[in-house]
Protein backbone atom coordinates (compact mmCIF):
# COMPACT_ATOMS: atom_id res chain seq x y z
CA UNK A 1 -20.69 25.74 30.73
CA UNK A 2 -18.62 23.87 28.12
CA UNK A 3 -21.48 22.89 25.89
CA UNK A 4 -22.76 26.52 25.82
CA UNK A 5 -19.18 27.77 24.98
CA UNK A 6 -19.02 25.25 22.10
CA UNK A 7 -22.41 26.45 20.90
CA UNK A 8 -21.13 30.07 20.98
CA UNK A 9 -18.57 28.90 18.29
CA UNK A 10 -21.18 27.45 15.86
CA UNK A 11 -21.17 28.25 12.28
CA UNK A 12 -24.87 28.73 12.72
CA UNK A 13 -25.58 32.40 13.41
CA UNK A 14 -28.94 31.46 15.09
CA UNK A 15 -27.61 28.94 17.47
CA UNK A 16 -24.61 31.16 18.23
CA UNK A 17 -26.74 34.03 19.06
CA UNK A 18 -29.08 31.82 21.38
CA UNK A 19 -26.06 30.28 23.05
CA UNK A 20 -24.40 33.79 23.68
CA UNK A 21 -27.79 35.04 25.13
CA UNK A 22 -27.78 32.28 27.63
CA UNK A 23 -24.16 32.97 28.55
CA UNK A 24 -24.98 36.60 29.17
CA UNK A 25 -27.87 35.65 31.46
CA UNK A 26 -25.55 33.26 33.46
CA UNK A 27 -23.02 35.97 33.60
CA UNK A 28 -25.45 38.32 35.47
CA UNK A 29 -25.33 36.12 38.66
CA UNK A 30 -22.12 34.08 38.23
CA UNK A 31 -19.76 36.40 36.26
CA UNK A 32 -16.56 34.97 37.75
CA UNK A 33 -17.59 31.44 36.84
CA UNK A 34 -18.31 32.52 33.23
CA UNK A 35 -15.11 34.34 32.83
CA UNK A 36 -13.19 31.49 34.37
CA UNK A 37 -14.88 28.84 32.03
CA UNK A 38 -14.13 31.05 29.02
CA UNK A 39 -10.53 31.53 30.09
CA UNK A 40 -9.88 27.75 30.56
CA UNK A 41 -11.68 26.86 27.33
CA UNK A 42 -9.86 29.38 25.24
CA UNK A 43 -6.45 28.55 26.59
CA UNK A 44 -6.94 24.83 26.27
CA UNK A 45 -7.98 25.22 22.72
CA UNK A 46 -4.95 27.45 22.28
CA UNK A 47 -2.73 24.72 23.65
CA UNK A 48 -4.49 21.94 21.65
CA UNK A 49 -3.81 23.43 18.27
CA UNK A 50 -0.60 25.47 17.97
CA UNK A 51 0.08 27.93 15.16
CA UNK A 52 2.69 25.46 13.57
CA UNK A 53 -0.14 22.95 13.47
CA UNK A 54 -2.75 25.29 12.18
CA UNK A 55 -0.45 26.38 9.41
CA UNK A 56 0.50 22.87 8.72
CA UNK A 57 -3.15 21.83 8.23
CA UNK A 58 -4.09 24.89 6.24
CA UNK A 59 -1.11 24.55 3.92
CA UNK A 60 -1.96 20.86 3.30
CA UNK A 61 -5.73 21.79 2.58
CA UNK A 62 -4.66 24.61 0.26
CA UNK A 63 -2.19 22.53 -1.64
CA UNK A 64 -4.86 19.78 -2.08
CA UNK A 65 -7.42 22.33 -3.38
CA UNK A 66 -4.80 23.93 -5.79
CA UNK A 67 -2.98 20.86 -7.09
CA UNK A 68 -5.89 18.32 -6.65
CA UNK A 69 -9.03 20.27 -7.70
CA UNK A 70 -7.41 23.58 -9.34
CA UNK A 71 -9.52 25.51 -6.99
CA UNK A 72 -7.64 28.76 -6.68
CA UNK A 73 -10.58 30.58 -4.90
CA UNK A 74 -10.88 27.78 -2.27
CA UNK A 75 -7.16 27.87 -1.60
CA UNK A 76 -7.20 31.60 -0.97
CA UNK A 77 -10.20 31.20 1.31
CA UNK A 78 -8.16 28.64 3.42
CA UNK A 79 -4.93 30.87 3.52
CA UNK A 80 -6.45 34.28 4.33
CA UNK A 81 -7.71 33.65 7.85
CA UNK A 82 -4.26 32.21 8.72
CA UNK A 83 -2.52 35.37 7.32
CA UNK A 84 -4.84 37.46 9.12
CA UNK A 85 -4.10 35.71 12.46
CA UNK A 86 -0.29 36.12 11.76
CA UNK A 87 -0.59 39.84 11.22
CA UNK A 88 -2.83 40.43 14.13
CA UNK A 89 -0.36 38.31 16.25
CA UNK A 90 2.60 40.34 14.90
CA UNK A 91 0.95 43.57 16.41
CA UNK A 92 0.06 42.08 19.83
CA UNK A 93 2.05 42.23 22.88
CA UNK A 94 0.44 39.31 24.65
CA UNK A 95 1.37 36.52 22.25
CA UNK A 96 2.95 33.40 23.79
CA UNK A 97 6.55 32.36 23.48
CA UNK A 98 5.87 29.68 20.82
CA UNK A 99 3.49 32.18 18.75
CA UNK A 100 6.45 34.85 18.88
CA UNK A 101 8.88 32.13 17.79
CA UNK A 102 6.55 31.17 15.02
CA UNK A 103 6.34 34.92 13.91
CA UNK A 104 10.01 35.52 13.98
CA UNK A 105 10.88 32.33 12.05
CA UNK A 106 8.14 32.35 9.32
CA UNK A 107 6.68 35.90 9.23
CA UNK A 108 8.91 37.16 6.64
CA UNK A 109 8.44 34.43 4.06
CA UNK A 110 4.76 33.93 4.78
CA UNK A 111 4.22 37.77 4.18
CA UNK A 112 5.98 37.41 0.86
CA UNK A 113 3.88 34.35 -0.18
CA UNK A 114 0.81 36.40 0.73
CA UNK A 115 1.82 39.35 -1.25
CA UNK A 116 2.06 37.18 -4.26
CA UNK A 117 -1.37 35.72 -3.45
CA UNK A 118 -2.86 39.28 -3.28
CA UNK A 119 -1.08 40.31 -6.70
CA UNK A 120 -2.69 37.25 -8.25
CA UNK A 121 -6.05 38.18 -6.75
CA UNK A 122 -5.76 41.84 -8.26
CA UNK A 123 -4.70 40.65 -11.41
CA UNK A 124 -6.69 37.54 -12.01
CA UNK A 125 6.81 22.90 16.90
CA UNK A 126 5.32 21.26 19.97
CA UNK A 127 6.42 22.00 23.42
CA UNK A 128 6.28 20.33 26.78
CA UNK A 129 6.30 23.35 29.14
CA UNK A 130 2.89 24.81 29.37
CA UNK A 131 4.24 28.33 30.19
CA UNK A 132 5.71 28.49 26.62
CA UNK A 133 2.22 27.76 25.04
CA UNK A 134 -0.15 29.26 27.68
CA UNK A 135 1.09 31.57 30.24
CA UNK A 136 -2.32 32.45 31.68
CA UNK A 137 -3.27 28.77 32.21
CA UNK A 138 -0.28 28.32 34.46
CA UNK A 139 -1.18 31.28 36.59
CA UNK A 140 -4.78 30.10 37.11
CA UNK A 141 -4.96 29.21 40.83
CA UNK A 142 -7.96 28.11 42.93
CA UNK A 143 -10.82 28.59 40.34
CA UNK A 144 -14.59 28.33 41.00
CA UNK A 145 -14.68 26.12 38.08
CA UNK A 146 -15.24 22.46 38.63
CA UNK A 147 -12.64 19.88 37.33
CA UNK A 148 -14.09 18.86 33.87
CA UNK A 149 -16.26 15.70 33.99
CA UNK A 150 -16.31 15.54 37.76
CA UNK A 151 -19.58 17.46 38.57
CA UNK A 152 -22.29 15.42 40.17
CA UNK A 153 -25.50 16.70 41.45
CA UNK A 154 -25.73 16.54 45.22
CA UNK A 155 -22.15 15.92 45.66
CA UNK A 156 -19.24 18.23 46.60
CA UNK A 157 -17.88 20.13 43.75
CA UNK A 158 -14.20 19.49 43.10
CA UNK A 159 -12.79 22.62 41.64
CA UNK A 160 -9.54 23.40 39.71
CA UNK A 161 -6.72 24.33 42.13
CA UNK A 162 -4.18 24.59 39.35
CA UNK A 163 -2.80 23.16 36.05
CA UNK A 164 0.35 21.04 35.87
CA UNK A 165 3.22 23.00 34.51
CA UNK A 166 4.14 20.21 32.04
CA UNK A 167 2.40 18.76 28.92
CA UNK A 168 3.49 15.50 27.42
CA UNK A 169 3.07 15.36 23.82
CA UNK A 170 1.94 11.75 22.68
CA UNK A 171 3.67 10.63 19.43
CA UNK A 172 0.57 9.63 17.55
CA UNK A 173 -0.97 10.95 14.18
CA UNK A 174 -2.85 13.96 15.83
CA UNK A 175 -0.15 14.46 18.54
CA UNK A 176 -2.61 14.93 21.54
CA UNK A 177 -1.34 16.30 24.77
CA UNK A 178 -1.54 14.51 28.26
CA UNK A 179 -2.79 17.22 30.71
CA UNK A 180 -2.96 17.07 34.44
CA UNK A 181 -5.42 19.27 36.53
CA UNK A 182 -4.80 19.45 40.30
CA UNK A 183 -8.27 19.46 42.07
CA UNK A 184 -9.18 21.06 45.32
CA UNK A 185 -9.62 17.68 46.83
CA UNK A 186 -5.87 16.99 46.51
CA UNK A 187 -6.29 14.49 43.62
CA UNK A 188 -4.68 14.82 40.21
CA UNK A 189 -7.07 14.41 37.37
CA UNK A 190 -5.40 13.36 33.90
CA UNK A 191 -6.88 14.12 30.48
CA UNK A 192 -5.99 13.73 26.90
CA UNK A 193 -6.21 17.03 25.24
CA UNK A 194 -7.02 16.51 21.61
CA UNK A 195 -7.00 18.88 18.56
CA UNK A 196 -7.95 18.32 15.04
CA UNK A 197 -10.86 16.12 15.99
CA UNK A 198 -14.65 16.66 16.76
CA UNK A 199 -15.29 14.73 20.10
CA UNK A 200 -19.13 15.72 20.20
CA UNK A 201 -19.80 12.26 18.63
CA UNK A 202 -17.78 10.48 21.12
CA UNK A 203 -19.71 12.21 24.01
CA UNK A 204 -22.79 10.84 22.50
CA UNK A 205 -21.48 7.44 22.22
CA UNK A 206 -20.64 7.56 25.95
CA UNK A 207 -24.21 8.34 26.68
CA UNK A 208 -25.31 5.35 24.63
CA UNK A 209 -22.87 3.18 26.59
CA UNK A 210 -24.33 4.43 29.89
CA UNK A 211 -27.61 3.46 28.70
CA UNK A 212 -26.45 -0.06 27.79
CA UNK A 213 -24.79 -0.36 31.17
CA UNK A 214 -28.08 0.35 32.92
CA UNK A 215 -29.93 -2.15 30.83
CA UNK A 216 -27.28 -4.85 31.56
CA UNK A 217 -27.35 -4.23 35.26
CA UNK A 218 -31.08 -4.45 35.45
CA UNK A 219 -31.26 -7.76 33.64
CA UNK A 220 -31.28 -11.01 35.58
CA UNK A 221 -29.11 -12.83 32.81
CA UNK A 222 -26.42 -10.20 32.82
CA UNK A 223 -26.55 -8.25 36.24
CA UNK A 224 -24.08 -10.64 37.97
CA UNK A 225 -21.53 -11.21 35.18
CA UNK A 226 -19.88 -7.62 35.27
CA UNK A 227 -20.68 -6.82 31.58
CA UNK A 228 -20.58 -3.08 31.96
CA UNK A 229 -18.75 -1.14 29.21
CA UNK A 230 -15.81 0.94 30.41
CA UNK A 231 -16.73 4.59 30.02
CA UNK A 232 -14.65 7.86 30.14
CA UNK A 233 -15.39 11.40 30.39
CA UNK A 234 -15.53 13.29 27.09
CA UNK A 235 -15.66 17.20 27.10
CA UNK A 236 -15.80 18.99 23.76
CA UNK A 237 -14.31 22.46 23.90
CA UNK A 238 -14.83 23.42 20.23
CA UNK A 239 -15.88 21.74 17.07
CA UNK A 240 -12.39 20.58 16.53
CA UNK A 241 -10.77 20.03 20.05
CA UNK A 242 -11.68 18.69 23.53
CA UNK A 243 -10.74 16.72 26.57
CA UNK A 244 -10.87 12.97 27.12
CA UNK A 245 -10.74 11.46 30.57
CA UNK A 246 -7.57 9.58 31.01
CA UNK A 247 -8.07 5.77 31.52
CA UNK A 248 -5.18 4.58 33.75
CA UNK A 249 -3.34 1.06 33.51
CA UNK A 250 -4.49 0.55 29.84
CA UNK A 251 -2.37 -0.54 26.78
CA UNK A 252 -3.49 -0.72 23.10
CA UNK A 253 -3.33 -4.20 21.66
CA UNK A 254 -0.92 -2.82 19.04
CA UNK A 255 1.50 -1.73 21.93
CA UNK A 256 1.19 -5.03 23.74
CA UNK A 257 1.84 -7.17 20.58
CA UNK A 258 4.78 -4.87 19.77
CA UNK A 259 6.42 -5.32 23.20
CA UNK A 260 5.88 -9.07 23.04
CA UNK A 261 7.52 -9.42 19.64
CA UNK A 262 10.27 -7.08 20.33
CA UNK A 263 11.21 -8.99 23.42
CA UNK A 264 11.51 -12.15 21.36
CA UNK A 265 13.13 -10.62 18.18
CA UNK A 266 10.04 -11.07 16.07
CA UNK A 267 9.37 -8.50 13.52
CA UNK A 268 6.15 -6.70 14.06
CA UNK A 269 4.90 -7.14 10.63
CA UNK A 270 5.86 -10.94 10.43
CA UNK A 271 2.66 -11.97 8.70
CA UNK A 272 3.06 -9.29 5.96
CA UNK A 273 6.81 -10.44 5.40
CA UNK A 274 5.60 -14.07 4.87
CA UNK A 275 3.06 -12.86 2.26
CA UNK A 276 5.54 -10.84 0.40
CA UNK A 277 8.07 -13.82 0.44
CA UNK A 278 5.54 -16.08 -1.00
CA UNK A 279 4.27 -13.37 -3.69
CA UNK A 280 6.42 -10.12 -3.97
CA UNK A 281 3.75 -8.78 -6.37
CA UNK A 282 0.91 -9.22 -3.87
CA UNK A 283 -0.68 -5.86 -4.51
CA UNK A 284 -1.29 -6.62 -8.09
CA UNK A 285 -2.60 -10.16 -7.74
CA UNK A 286 -6.26 -11.06 -8.27
CA UNK A 287 -8.57 -11.47 -5.21
CA UNK A 288 -8.48 -15.34 -5.26
CA UNK A 289 -4.66 -15.29 -5.22
CA UNK A 290 -4.61 -12.72 -2.49
CA UNK A 291 -6.65 -15.11 -0.50
CA UNK A 292 -4.37 -17.90 -1.09
CA UNK A 293 -1.17 -16.00 -0.02
CA UNK A 294 -3.06 -14.63 3.19
CA UNK A 295 -3.75 -18.20 4.09
CA UNK A 296 -0.20 -19.27 3.55
CA UNK A 297 0.94 -16.36 6.00
CA UNK A 298 -1.64 -17.67 8.49
CA UNK A 299 -0.43 -21.27 8.23
CA UNK A 300 3.10 -20.17 8.88
CA UNK A 301 2.55 -18.00 11.91
CA UNK A 302 0.86 -18.84 15.11
CA UNK A 303 -1.09 -15.57 15.93
CA UNK A 304 -1.28 -16.31 19.74
CA UNK A 305 0.70 -13.23 20.79
CA UNK A 306 -2.29 -11.73 22.79
CA UNK A 307 -2.94 -15.00 24.41
CA UNK A 308 0.58 -15.24 25.57
CA UNK A 309 0.46 -11.75 26.77
CA UNK A 310 -2.57 -12.49 29.00
CA UNK A 311 -0.83 -15.50 30.50
CA UNK A 312 2.57 -13.83 31.09
CA UNK A 313 0.97 -10.75 32.79
CA UNK A 314 -0.99 -12.84 35.28
CA UNK A 315 0.54 -13.69 38.78
CA UNK A 316 -1.29 -16.91 39.05
CA UNK A 317 -3.49 -19.28 37.07
CA UNK A 318 -6.55 -17.96 39.08
CA UNK A 319 -5.95 -14.34 38.02
CA UNK A 320 -5.31 -15.53 34.34
CA UNK A 321 -8.67 -17.32 34.38
CA UNK A 322 -10.31 -14.34 35.69
CA UNK A 323 -8.72 -11.90 33.09
CA UNK A 324 -9.44 -14.35 30.22
CA UNK A 325 -13.07 -14.62 31.24
CA UNK A 326 -13.30 -10.65 31.61
CA UNK A 327 -11.51 -10.27 28.24
CA UNK A 328 -13.84 -12.49 26.44
CA UNK A 329 -17.12 -11.21 27.90
CA UNK A 330 -16.07 -7.39 27.32
CA UNK A 331 -15.13 -8.27 23.82
CA UNK A 332 -18.45 -9.82 23.29
CA UNK A 333 -20.31 -6.96 24.70
CA UNK A 334 -18.69 -4.35 22.51
CA UNK A 335 -18.89 -6.47 19.50
CA UNK A 336 -22.69 -6.48 19.78
CA UNK A 337 -23.03 -2.70 20.74
CA UNK A 338 -20.45 -1.75 18.03
CA UNK A 339 -22.39 -3.59 15.41
CA UNK A 340 -25.53 -1.73 16.18
CA UNK A 341 -23.51 1.46 16.05
CA UNK A 342 -22.00 0.46 12.74
CA UNK A 343 -18.67 1.10 14.37
CA UNK A 344 -15.60 0.94 12.17
CA UNK A 345 -11.85 1.77 12.19
CA UNK A 346 -11.23 -1.07 14.85
CA UNK A 347 -7.61 -1.45 14.18
CA UNK A 348 -5.42 -2.53 17.28
CA UNK A 349 -4.41 0.98 18.26
CA UNK A 350 -8.28 1.55 18.90
CA UNK A 351 -8.71 -1.40 21.10
CA UNK A 352 -7.08 -1.26 24.69
CA UNK A 353 -6.59 -3.83 27.41
CA UNK A 354 -6.99 -3.03 31.05
CA UNK A 355 -3.93 -4.33 33.01
CA UNK A 356 -5.88 -4.99 36.33
CA UNK A 357 -8.90 -6.70 34.85
CA UNK A 358 -8.20 -7.82 31.40
CA UNK A 359 -11.30 -6.02 29.96
CA UNK A 360 -11.30 -4.65 26.42
CA UNK A 361 -11.74 -0.90 26.05
CA UNK A 362 -12.60 0.87 22.82
CA UNK A 363 -11.53 4.42 21.81
CA UNK A 364 -12.12 6.67 18.94
CA UNK A 365 -15.63 6.60 17.93
CA UNK A 366 -15.39 8.92 14.85
CA UNK A 367 -16.63 6.31 12.31
CA UNK A 368 -20.13 5.30 13.33
CA UNK A 369 -23.00 4.14 11.18
CA UNK A 370 -20.43 2.48 8.75
CA UNK A 371 -19.04 5.82 7.72
CA UNK A 372 -15.70 4.07 7.36
CA UNK A 373 -17.03 2.37 4.31
CA UNK A 374 -17.31 5.57 2.33
CA UNK A 375 -14.26 7.49 3.40
CA UNK A 376 -11.83 8.72 0.82
CA UNK A 377 -8.75 6.84 2.14
CA UNK A 378 -8.71 3.14 3.06
CA UNK A 379 -12.32 2.57 3.10
CA UNK A 380 -13.68 -0.66 4.80
CA UNK A 381 -15.48 -1.96 1.83
CA UNK A 382 -16.55 -5.42 3.18
CA UNK A 383 -20.13 -4.72 4.56
CA UNK A 384 -21.07 -8.16 5.96
CA UNK A 385 -18.47 -8.04 8.57
CA UNK A 386 -20.31 -6.82 11.65
CA UNK A 387 -17.42 -6.41 14.15
CA UNK A 388 -13.62 -7.35 14.47
CA UNK A 389 -13.03 -10.97 15.44
CA UNK A 390 -9.65 -11.84 13.98
CA UNK A 391 -7.61 -14.95 14.64
CA UNK A 392 -5.52 -13.27 17.42
CA UNK A 393 -8.61 -12.08 19.30
CA UNK A 394 -10.18 -15.65 19.05
CA UNK A 395 -6.96 -17.46 20.19
CA UNK A 396 -6.78 -15.29 23.44
CA UNK A 397 -10.12 -16.86 24.38
CA UNK A 398 -8.27 -20.10 24.78
CA UNK A 399 -9.80 -23.63 24.36
CA UNK A 400 -13.41 -22.64 23.97
CA UNK A 401 -12.90 -20.09 21.35
CA UNK A 402 -16.05 -18.39 20.29
CA UNK A 403 -18.22 -21.37 21.54
CA UNK A 404 -18.13 -20.48 25.05
CA UNK A 405 -18.28 -17.32 27.17
CA UNK A 406 -18.22 -15.37 23.90
CA UNK A 407 -21.14 -16.79 22.14
CA UNK A 408 -23.29 -16.94 25.32
CA UNK A 409 -22.49 -13.30 26.18
CA UNK A 410 -23.35 -12.10 22.72
CA UNK A 411 -26.65 -13.91 22.75
CA UNK A 412 -27.55 -12.44 26.24
CA UNK A 413 -26.57 -9.06 25.42
CA UNK A 414 -28.56 -8.93 22.18
CA UNK A 415 -31.43 -10.38 24.01
CA UNK A 416 -31.46 -7.59 26.53
CA UNK A 417 -31.02 -4.91 23.66
CA UNK A 418 -34.01 -6.47 21.83
CA UNK A 419 -36.14 -6.39 25.07
CA UNK A 420 -35.32 -2.71 25.46
CA UNK A 421 -35.46 -1.86 21.81
CA UNK A 422 -37.46 1.39 22.34
CA UNK A 423 -34.99 2.89 24.61
CA UNK A 424 -32.10 1.97 22.41
CA UNK A 425 -33.63 3.14 19.16
CA UNK A 426 -34.70 6.44 20.99
CA UNK A 427 -31.16 7.01 21.93
CA UNK A 428 -29.68 6.16 18.57
CA UNK A 429 -32.20 8.37 16.90
CA UNK A 430 -30.76 11.30 18.82
CA UNK A 431 -27.47 10.70 17.04
CA UNK A 432 -29.05 11.24 13.72
CA UNK A 433 -30.94 14.35 14.62
CA UNK A 434 -28.38 15.99 16.92
CA UNK A 435 -27.57 19.32 15.21
CA UNK A 436 -24.31 19.60 17.22
CA UNK A 437 -22.62 16.69 15.57
CA UNK A 438 -20.62 17.37 12.42
CA UNK A 439 -21.23 14.16 10.55
CA UNK A 440 -18.41 12.83 8.37
CA UNK A 441 -20.86 11.44 6.16
CA UNK A 442 -24.48 12.48 5.98
CA UNK A 443 -25.97 10.54 3.11
CA UNK A 444 -29.12 8.59 3.95
CA UNK A 445 -28.86 6.30 0.96
CA UNK A 446 -25.31 5.28 1.94
CA UNK A 447 -25.47 4.90 5.67
CA UNK A 448 -28.14 2.27 6.50
CA UNK A 449 -28.74 3.13 10.19
CA UNK A 450 -29.40 6.77 9.32
CA UNK A 451 -31.82 5.54 6.66
CA UNK A 452 -33.67 3.61 9.31
CA UNK A 453 -34.45 6.53 11.37
CA UNK A 454 -35.20 8.83 8.58
CA UNK A 455 -37.79 6.28 7.02
CA UNK A 456 -39.47 6.07 10.46
CA UNK A 457 -40.34 9.70 10.34
CA UNK A 458 -41.03 9.76 6.61
CA UNK A 459 -38.38 12.34 5.50
CA UNK A 460 -34.98 13.24 6.76
CA UNK A 461 -34.64 15.88 9.61
CA UNK A 462 -31.73 18.29 9.35
CA UNK A 463 -30.79 21.73 10.51
CA UNK A 464 -32.84 23.84 8.27
CA UNK A 465 -30.58 26.92 8.59
CA UNK A 466 -27.43 25.11 7.49
CA UNK A 467 -29.14 23.35 4.53
CA UNK A 468 -29.60 24.99 1.37
CA UNK A 469 -33.34 25.67 0.93
CA UNK A 470 -33.17 24.91 -2.87
CA UNK A 471 -31.63 21.44 -2.53
CA UNK A 472 -33.93 18.48 -1.97
CA UNK A 473 -32.75 15.77 0.24
CA UNK A 474 -32.84 12.32 -1.36
CA UNK A 475 -35.46 9.99 -0.04
CA UNK A 476 -34.12 7.20 2.01
CA UNK A 477 -34.34 3.64 0.41
CA UNK A 478 -34.47 0.52 2.44
CA UNK A 479 -31.34 -1.76 1.73
CA UNK A 480 -30.19 -5.11 2.74
CA UNK A 481 -28.35 -3.76 5.75
CA UNK A 482 -31.44 -1.85 6.90
CA UNK A 483 -33.60 -4.93 6.65
CA UNK A 484 -30.98 -6.77 8.56
CA UNK A 485 -30.88 -4.20 11.41
CA UNK A 486 -34.69 -4.28 11.63
CA UNK A 487 -34.46 -8.09 12.01
CA UNK A 488 -32.10 -7.70 14.86
CA UNK A 489 -34.70 -5.76 16.82
């Protein structure tokens, strides 16, 4: 049901109407199921993005349009739906406690601001208790709806018994919520409820990982080495919110390094401090001087924090050896797969380490096909770097470094992918032509992997309804990166 409900919210009228027609057909024989799915989806979206956050995001965008681009018409288009939502909420009786609190706190000032906007046009907080943000969700009991991500054909359906009464807000940039659903089997299922982010691309990446796992399991060279990529459930609820299955017993590398350094009273940005002590005007230095300063910082720091963490968190040397091997192999597998995906934004907060096995787990797949190279803020400009393999990651491999399990695993994985290139390319082609994915960057000349697929079919394939008919798409050009990828396969 969830993909259908997402399609019902599409900006494409044709797709929206088609999805609604399918939902209406399903409602004829499973009305209760459809109503419950719509209720759960609507309320989770309501919880994922509160009015405070909607207004904060809207005001930021309106401010950017007005002060940055002097686009007054665009500013008003952003603000008008928010004001309409506020006025409708003020007249309704079924608003939540948080929505009512927002109306009482800001309605007067926002109404005055809106009046000023209209005159110009004429003349030229997060909560932890779920009942405070979604009373209907708390009252849900014994639904026919399956717990998201648990449905399997020919297996007993685990339905939603209830929702936990408390949501924990995680203090990260997007402030996601940790949601717990009580299943009919007596188990608790934890999810990360994320707003302000399109998870449909992450869902497709999980499908690719499933294919890679199958290929690795069926190869004699890799079958016995436990090289499977850790996957998790991704359930989009709307184009900008969704559920992610919670992977237990995992810590980000950033968190592990912070804890290690805090315990030893080492500053988290130790390397950066050495750089500034050597060159206070580092940001204004020429490139060759920056390299010299960077090398000075490396010479004066050890960079073995992750290696020490793996050792200290292992009960015995045998456990340590097993975890170190798992760490090295899993890092190698994701390095190869991430390279094919053009995966960027691999900072320490997007790399996780499983406490029990030592395997590396990647999260946040929003920057695929080297989209991070063309983003507005902090672009990753260095194209030849295929994956993250910094000093700290290498030192955690211990004595062999990259010339051991890492290199052997990389070669074996790449050989398996090459042997099954047709299957891999078919899956990656689906990324490009999937109309549901809202690409951050859809420029065939700038994203080499997309250019490969487009050139295979002669011209680019896009959603004709959402593309202006008068605008011709630029013909893809083969670049150095494209030729490199073709050589890989």
